Amino acid sequence: MLARLRSYLPTAAIGLLIVYFAIHAFTGDQGLLTSGQRDATLMAKTQELAALTAERQDLEKRAHLLRETSLSRDLLEERARSLLGFADPRDYVIRMKP
């Protein structure tokens, strides 16, 4: 009887390995059941990337307007007033914390 059980031992070990890997395929960090969390994270990161891309494009546009070849008087005046703290006497200044 013991000899008959020993013949099934490799099959049982392989079966247990298959069950072990199947459980981790469903519930592990990269498992099938966590795909909803990955999708939500991917969506949030995609939105963050879009916002950062828009901010970068705005900054590139503003930097281009401050170059010597294409200087914008309005942007230059805005930057000078914000950096130096000057204002026209006819302006209303509302100070806000950054």
N, C-alpha and C. Protein backbone atom coordinates (compact mmCIF):
# COMPACT_ATOMS: atom_id res chain seq x y z
N MET A 1 0.81 -1.18 0.00
CA MET A 1 0.00 0.00 0.00
C MET A 1 0.87 1.26 0.00
N LEU A 2 1.94 1.28 0.76
CA LEU A 2 2.84 2.42 0.81
C LEU A 2 3.53 2.62 -0.53
N ALA A 3 3.84 1.54 -1.20
CA ALA A 3 4.47 1.64 -2.52
C ALA A 3 3.50 2.26 -3.52
N ARG A 4 2.23 1.93 -3.39
CA ARG A 4 1.23 2.47 -4.31
C ARG A 4 1.07 3.99 -4.08
N LEU A 5 1.12 4.45 -2.83
CA LEU A 5 1.02 5.88 -2.52
C LEU A 5 2.25 6.63 -3.02
N ARG A 6 3.44 6.02 -2.95
CA ARG A 6 4.66 6.66 -3.44
C ARG A 6 4.60 6.91 -4.95
N SER A 7 3.89 6.11 -5.67
CA SER A 7 3.79 6.32 -7.12
C SER A 7 2.95 7.56 -7.44
N TYR A 8 2.03 7.92 -6.53
CA TYR A 8 1.20 9.11 -6.74
C TYR A 8 1.83 10.39 -6.18
N LEU A 9 2.91 10.27 -5.44
CA LEU A 9 3.54 11.42 -4.79
C LEU A 9 4.00 12.50 -5.79
N PRO A 10 4.70 12.16 -6.89
CA PRO A 10 5.08 13.22 -7.85
C PRO A 10 3.86 13.90 -8.49
N THR A 11 2.82 13.14 -8.76
CA THR A 11 1.60 13.71 -9.34
C THR A 11 0.94 14.68 -8.36
N ALA A 12 0.90 14.30 -7.09
CA ALA A 12 0.31 15.17 -6.07
C ALA A 12 1.15 16.44 -5.91
N ALA A 13 2.47 16.32 -5.95
CA ALA A 13 3.33 17.50 -5.82
C ALA A 13 3.12 18.45 -6.99
N ILE A 14 3.03 17.92 -8.18
CA ILE A 14 2.79 18.76 -9.36
C ILE A 14 1.40 19.40 -9.27
N GLY A 15 0.42 18.67 -8.80
CA GLY A 15 -0.92 19.21 -8.62
C GLY A 15 -0.93 20.35 -7.62
N LEU A 16 -0.22 20.20 -6.50
CA LEU A 16 -0.14 21.26 -5.50
C LEU A 16 0.56 22.49 -6.07
N LEU A 17 1.61 22.29 -6.87
CA LEU A 17 2.29 23.43 -7.50
C LEU A 17 1.36 24.17 -8.45
N ILE A 18 0.57 23.42 -9.19
CA ILE A 18 -0.38 24.05 -10.11
C ILE A 18 -1.42 24.85 -9.34
N VAL A 19 -1.93 24.32 -8.24
CA VAL A 19 -2.90 25.03 -7.42
C VAL A 19 -2.26 26.28 -6.82
N TYR A 20 -1.02 26.18 -6.34
CA TYR A 20 -0.31 27.31 -5.75
C TYR A 20 -0.17 28.45 -6.76
N PHE A 21 0.31 28.12 -7.97
CA PHE A 21 0.49 29.16 -8.98
C PHE A 21 -0.85 29.70 -9.48
N ALA A 22 -1.88 28.88 -9.52
CA ALA A 22 -3.20 29.36 -9.95
C ALA A 22 -3.76 30.36 -8.93
N ILE A 23 -3.59 30.08 -7.65
CA ILE A 23 -4.07 31.01 -6.62
C ILE A 23 -3.35 32.34 -6.74
N HIS A 24 -2.03 32.30 -6.93
CA HIS A 24 -1.28 33.55 -7.06
C HIS A 24 -1.57 34.27 -8.38
N ALA A 25 -1.97 33.53 -9.39
CA ALA A 25 -2.34 34.18 -10.65
C ALA A 25 -3.61 35.01 -10.49
N PHE A 26 -4.47 34.59 -9.58
CA PHE A 26 -5.71 35.33 -9.36
C PHE A 26 -5.58 36.40 -8.29
N THR A 27 -4.84 36.13 -7.22
CA THR A 27 -4.85 37.03 -6.07
C THR A 27 -3.53 37.73 -5.80
N GLY A 28 -2.51 37.51 -6.56
CA GLY A 28 -1.21 38.12 -6.30
C GLY A 28 -1.17 39.59 -6.67
N ASP A 29 -0.01 40.21 -6.50
CA ASP A 29 0.15 41.64 -6.80
C ASP A 29 -0.18 41.95 -8.26
N GLN A 30 0.18 41.10 -9.15
CA GLN A 30 -0.09 41.29 -10.58
C GLN A 30 -1.24 40.38 -11.05
N GLY A 31 -2.07 39.93 -10.12
CA GLY A 31 -3.11 38.96 -10.43
C GLY A 31 -4.28 39.52 -11.21
N LEU A 32 -5.13 38.59 -11.63
CA LEU A 32 -6.30 38.96 -12.43
C LEU A 32 -7.35 39.72 -11.61
N LEU A 33 -7.44 39.45 -10.33
CA LEU A 33 -8.45 40.11 -9.51
C LEU A 33 -8.05 41.54 -9.15
N THR A 34 -6.80 41.91 -9.32
CA THR A 34 -6.37 43.28 -9.01
C THR A 34 -6.31 44.15 -10.26
N SER A 35 -6.83 43.68 -11.36
CA SER A 35 -6.78 44.47 -12.59
C SER A 35 -7.64 45.74 -12.49
N GLY A 36 -8.69 45.71 -11.70
CA GLY A 36 -9.52 46.91 -11.50
C GLY A 36 -8.74 48.02 -10.82
N GLN A 37 -7.93 47.64 -9.84
CA GLN A 37 -7.09 48.63 -9.16
C GLN A 37 -6.06 49.20 -10.13
N ARG A 38 -5.48 48.32 -10.95
CA ARG A 38 -4.49 48.79 -11.93
C ARG A 38 -5.12 49.73 -12.94
N ASP A 39 -6.34 49.41 -13.37
CA ASP A 39 -7.03 50.27 -14.33
C ASP A 39 -7.33 51.64 -13.72
N ALA A 40 -7.74 51.66 -12.46
CA ALA A 40 -8.03 52.93 -11.79
C ALA A 40 -6.75 53.75 -11.63
N THR A 41 -5.66 53.09 -11.27
CA THR A 41 -4.39 53.79 -11.13
C THR A 41 -3.92 54.32 -12.48
N LEU A 42 -4.08 53.52 -13.52
CA LEU A 42 -3.70 53.94 -14.86
C LEU A 42 -4.51 55.15 -15.30
N MET A 43 -5.79 55.17 -15.01
CA MET A 43 -6.65 56.29 -15.38
C MET A 43 -6.23 57.56 -14.64
N ALA A 44 -5.93 57.43 -13.34
CA ALA A 44 -5.50 58.59 -12.55
C ALA A 44 -4.17 59.13 -13.07
N LYS A 45 -3.25 58.24 -13.38
CA LYS A 45 -1.94 58.67 -13.88
C LYS A 45 -2.06 59.29 -15.27
N THR A 46 -2.99 58.80 -16.09
CA THR A 46 -3.21 59.37 -17.41
C THR A 46 -3.75 60.80 -17.29
N GLN A 47 -4.67 61.02 -16.36
CA GLN A 47 -5.19 62.36 -16.15
C GLN A 47 -4.11 63.30 -15.60
N GLU A 48 -3.28 62.77 -14.71
CA GLU A 48 -2.18 63.58 -14.17
C GLU A 48 -1.19 63.95 -15.28
N LEU A 49 -0.92 63.00 -16.16
CA LEU A 49 -0.02 63.26 -17.29
C LEU A 49 -0.59 64.33 -18.20
N ALA A 50 -1.88 64.27 -18.47
CA ALA A 50 -2.52 65.27 -19.33
C ALA A 50 -2.43 66.67 -18.70
N ALA A 51 -2.65 66.75 -17.39
CA ALA A 51 -2.57 68.05 -16.71
C ALA A 51 -1.14 68.58 -16.75
N LEU A 52 -0.17 67.72 -16.50
CA LEU A 52 1.24 68.15 -16.53
C LEU A 52 1.68 68.53 -17.93
N THR A 53 1.18 67.83 -18.94
CA THR A 53 1.52 68.18 -20.32
C THR A 53 0.96 69.55 -20.68
N ALA A 54 -0.27 69.83 -20.27
CA ALA A 54 -0.87 71.14 -20.54
C ALA A 54 -0.10 72.24 -19.81
N GLU A 55 0.30 71.97 -18.57
CA GLU A 55 1.07 72.96 -17.82
C GLU A 55 2.43 73.22 -18.48
N ARG A 56 3.05 72.15 -18.95
CA ARG A 56 4.35 72.31 -19.61
C ARG A 56 4.21 73.12 -20.90
N GLN A 57 3.18 72.86 -21.69
CA GLN A 57 2.97 73.61 -22.92
C GLN A 57 2.74 75.08 -22.62
N ASP A 58 1.99 75.38 -21.54
CA ASP A 58 1.77 76.77 -21.16
C ASP A 58 3.08 77.43 -20.76
N LEU A 59 3.90 76.73 -19.98
CA LEU A 59 5.19 77.29 -19.58
C LEU A 59 6.12 77.49 -20.76
N GLU A 60 6.11 76.55 -21.72
CA GLU A 60 6.94 76.70 -22.91
C GLU A 60 6.49 77.91 -23.73
N LYS A 61 5.17 78.11 -23.82
CA LYS A 61 4.65 79.25 -24.57
C LYS A 61 5.06 80.56 -23.90
N ARG A 62 4.96 80.60 -22.56
CA ARG A 62 5.34 81.81 -21.83
C ARG A 62 6.85 82.06 -21.95
N ALA A 63 7.64 81.00 -21.90
CA ALA A 63 9.09 81.16 -22.04
C ALA A 63 9.44 81.67 -23.43
N HIS A 64 8.73 81.20 -24.43
CA HIS A 64 8.97 81.66 -25.81
C HIS A 64 8.66 83.14 -25.94
N LEU A 65 7.61 83.60 -25.25
CA LEU A 65 7.23 85.01 -25.33
C LEU A 65 8.21 85.92 -24.59
N LEU A 66 9.03 85.37 -23.71
CA LEU A 66 10.00 86.18 -22.98
C LEU A 66 11.37 86.20 -23.65
N ARG A 67 11.55 85.51 -24.75
CA ARG A 67 12.84 85.53 -25.45
C ARG A 67 13.01 86.86 -26.18
N GLU A 68 14.26 87.20 -26.46
CA GLU A 68 14.56 88.48 -27.12
C GLU A 68 13.94 88.57 -28.50
N THR A 69 13.86 87.45 -29.20
CA THR A 69 13.35 87.48 -30.57
C THR A 69 11.84 87.71 -30.63
N SER A 70 11.13 87.32 -29.60
CA SER A 70 9.67 87.48 -29.62
C SER A 70 9.19 87.93 -28.24
N LEU A 71 9.59 89.12 -27.84
CA LEU A 71 9.28 89.62 -26.52
C LEU A 71 7.86 90.18 -26.48
N SER A 72 7.08 89.74 -25.52
CA SER A 72 5.72 90.24 -25.33
C SER A 72 5.74 91.27 -24.21
N ARG A 73 5.32 92.48 -24.51
CA ARG A 73 5.35 93.56 -23.51
C ARG A 73 4.42 93.26 -22.34
N ASP A 74 3.26 92.69 -22.62
CA ASP A 74 2.31 92.40 -21.55
C ASP A 74 2.87 91.36 -20.58
N LEU A 75 3.45 90.31 -21.14
CA LEU A 75 4.00 89.27 -20.29
C LEU A 75 5.20 89.78 -19.51
N LEU A 76 6.02 90.58 -20.15
CA LEU A 76 7.19 91.16 -19.48
C LEU A 76 6.74 92.06 -18.32
N GLU A 77 5.72 92.86 -18.57
CA GLU A 77 5.21 93.75 -17.52
C GLU A 77 4.62 92.93 -16.37
N GLU A 78 3.89 91.89 -16.71
CA GLU A 78 3.31 91.03 -15.68
C GLU A 78 4.38 90.40 -14.80
N ARG A 79 5.43 89.88 -15.43
CA ARG A 79 6.52 89.23 -14.68
C ARG A 79 7.28 90.25 -13.83
N ALA A 80 7.53 91.44 -14.38
CA ALA A 80 8.24 92.47 -13.63
C ALA A 80 7.43 92.89 -12.41
N ARG A 81 6.15 93.06 -12.57
CA ARG A 81 5.31 93.47 -11.45
C ARG A 81 5.26 92.39 -10.37
N SER A 82 5.17 91.13 -10.80
CA SER A 82 5.07 90.07 -9.80
C SER A 82 6.40 89.84 -9.09
N LEU A 83 7.51 89.95 -9.80
CA LEU A 83 8.81 89.73 -9.17
C LEU A 83 9.26 90.92 -8.32
N LEU A 84 9.02 92.12 -8.79
CA LEU A 84 9.49 93.30 -8.07
C LEU A 84 8.47 93.83 -7.08
N GLY A 85 7.22 93.43 -7.23
CA GLY A 85 6.19 93.87 -6.31
C GLY A 85 5.66 95.26 -6.61
N PHE A 86 5.88 95.76 -7.81
CA PHE A 86 5.39 97.09 -8.17
C PHE A 86 4.00 96.99 -8.77
N ALA A 87 3.27 98.08 -8.66
CA ALA A 87 1.95 98.16 -9.26
C ALA A 87 1.70 99.59 -9.68
N ASP A 88 0.87 99.75 -10.66
CA ASP A 88 0.47 101.08 -11.11
C ASP A 88 -0.43 101.69 -10.03
N PRO A 89 -0.32 102.98 -9.79
CA PRO A 89 -1.17 103.58 -8.74
C PRO A 89 -2.67 103.42 -9.01
N ARG A 90 -3.05 103.21 -10.25
CA ARG A 90 -4.47 103.05 -10.58
C ARG A 90 -4.93 101.60 -10.46
N ASP A 91 -4.01 100.70 -10.17
CA ASP A 91 -4.35 99.27 -10.08
C ASP A 91 -4.88 98.91 -8.70
N TYR A 92 -5.79 97.95 -8.67
CA TYR A 92 -6.22 97.35 -7.42
C TYR A 92 -5.40 96.08 -7.22
N VAL A 93 -4.74 95.97 -6.08
CA VAL A 93 -3.87 94.82 -5.83
C VAL A 93 -4.50 93.97 -4.74
N ILE A 94 -4.67 92.72 -5.06
CA ILE A 94 -5.21 91.75 -4.10
C ILE A 94 -4.11 90.73 -3.86
N ARG A 95 -3.57 90.71 -2.68
CA ARG A 95 -2.47 89.80 -2.37
C ARG A 95 -3.06 88.48 -1.84
N MET A 96 -2.55 87.40 -2.40
CA MET A 96 -2.99 86.07 -1.98
C MET A 96 -1.76 85.25 -1.65
N LYS A 97 -1.90 84.35 -0.71
CA LYS A 97 -0.79 83.47 -0.39
C LYS A 97 -0.63 82.45 -1.51
N PRO A 98 0.62 82.13 -1.86
CA PRO A 98 0.82 81.16 -2.95
C PRO A 98 0.43 79.76 -2.55
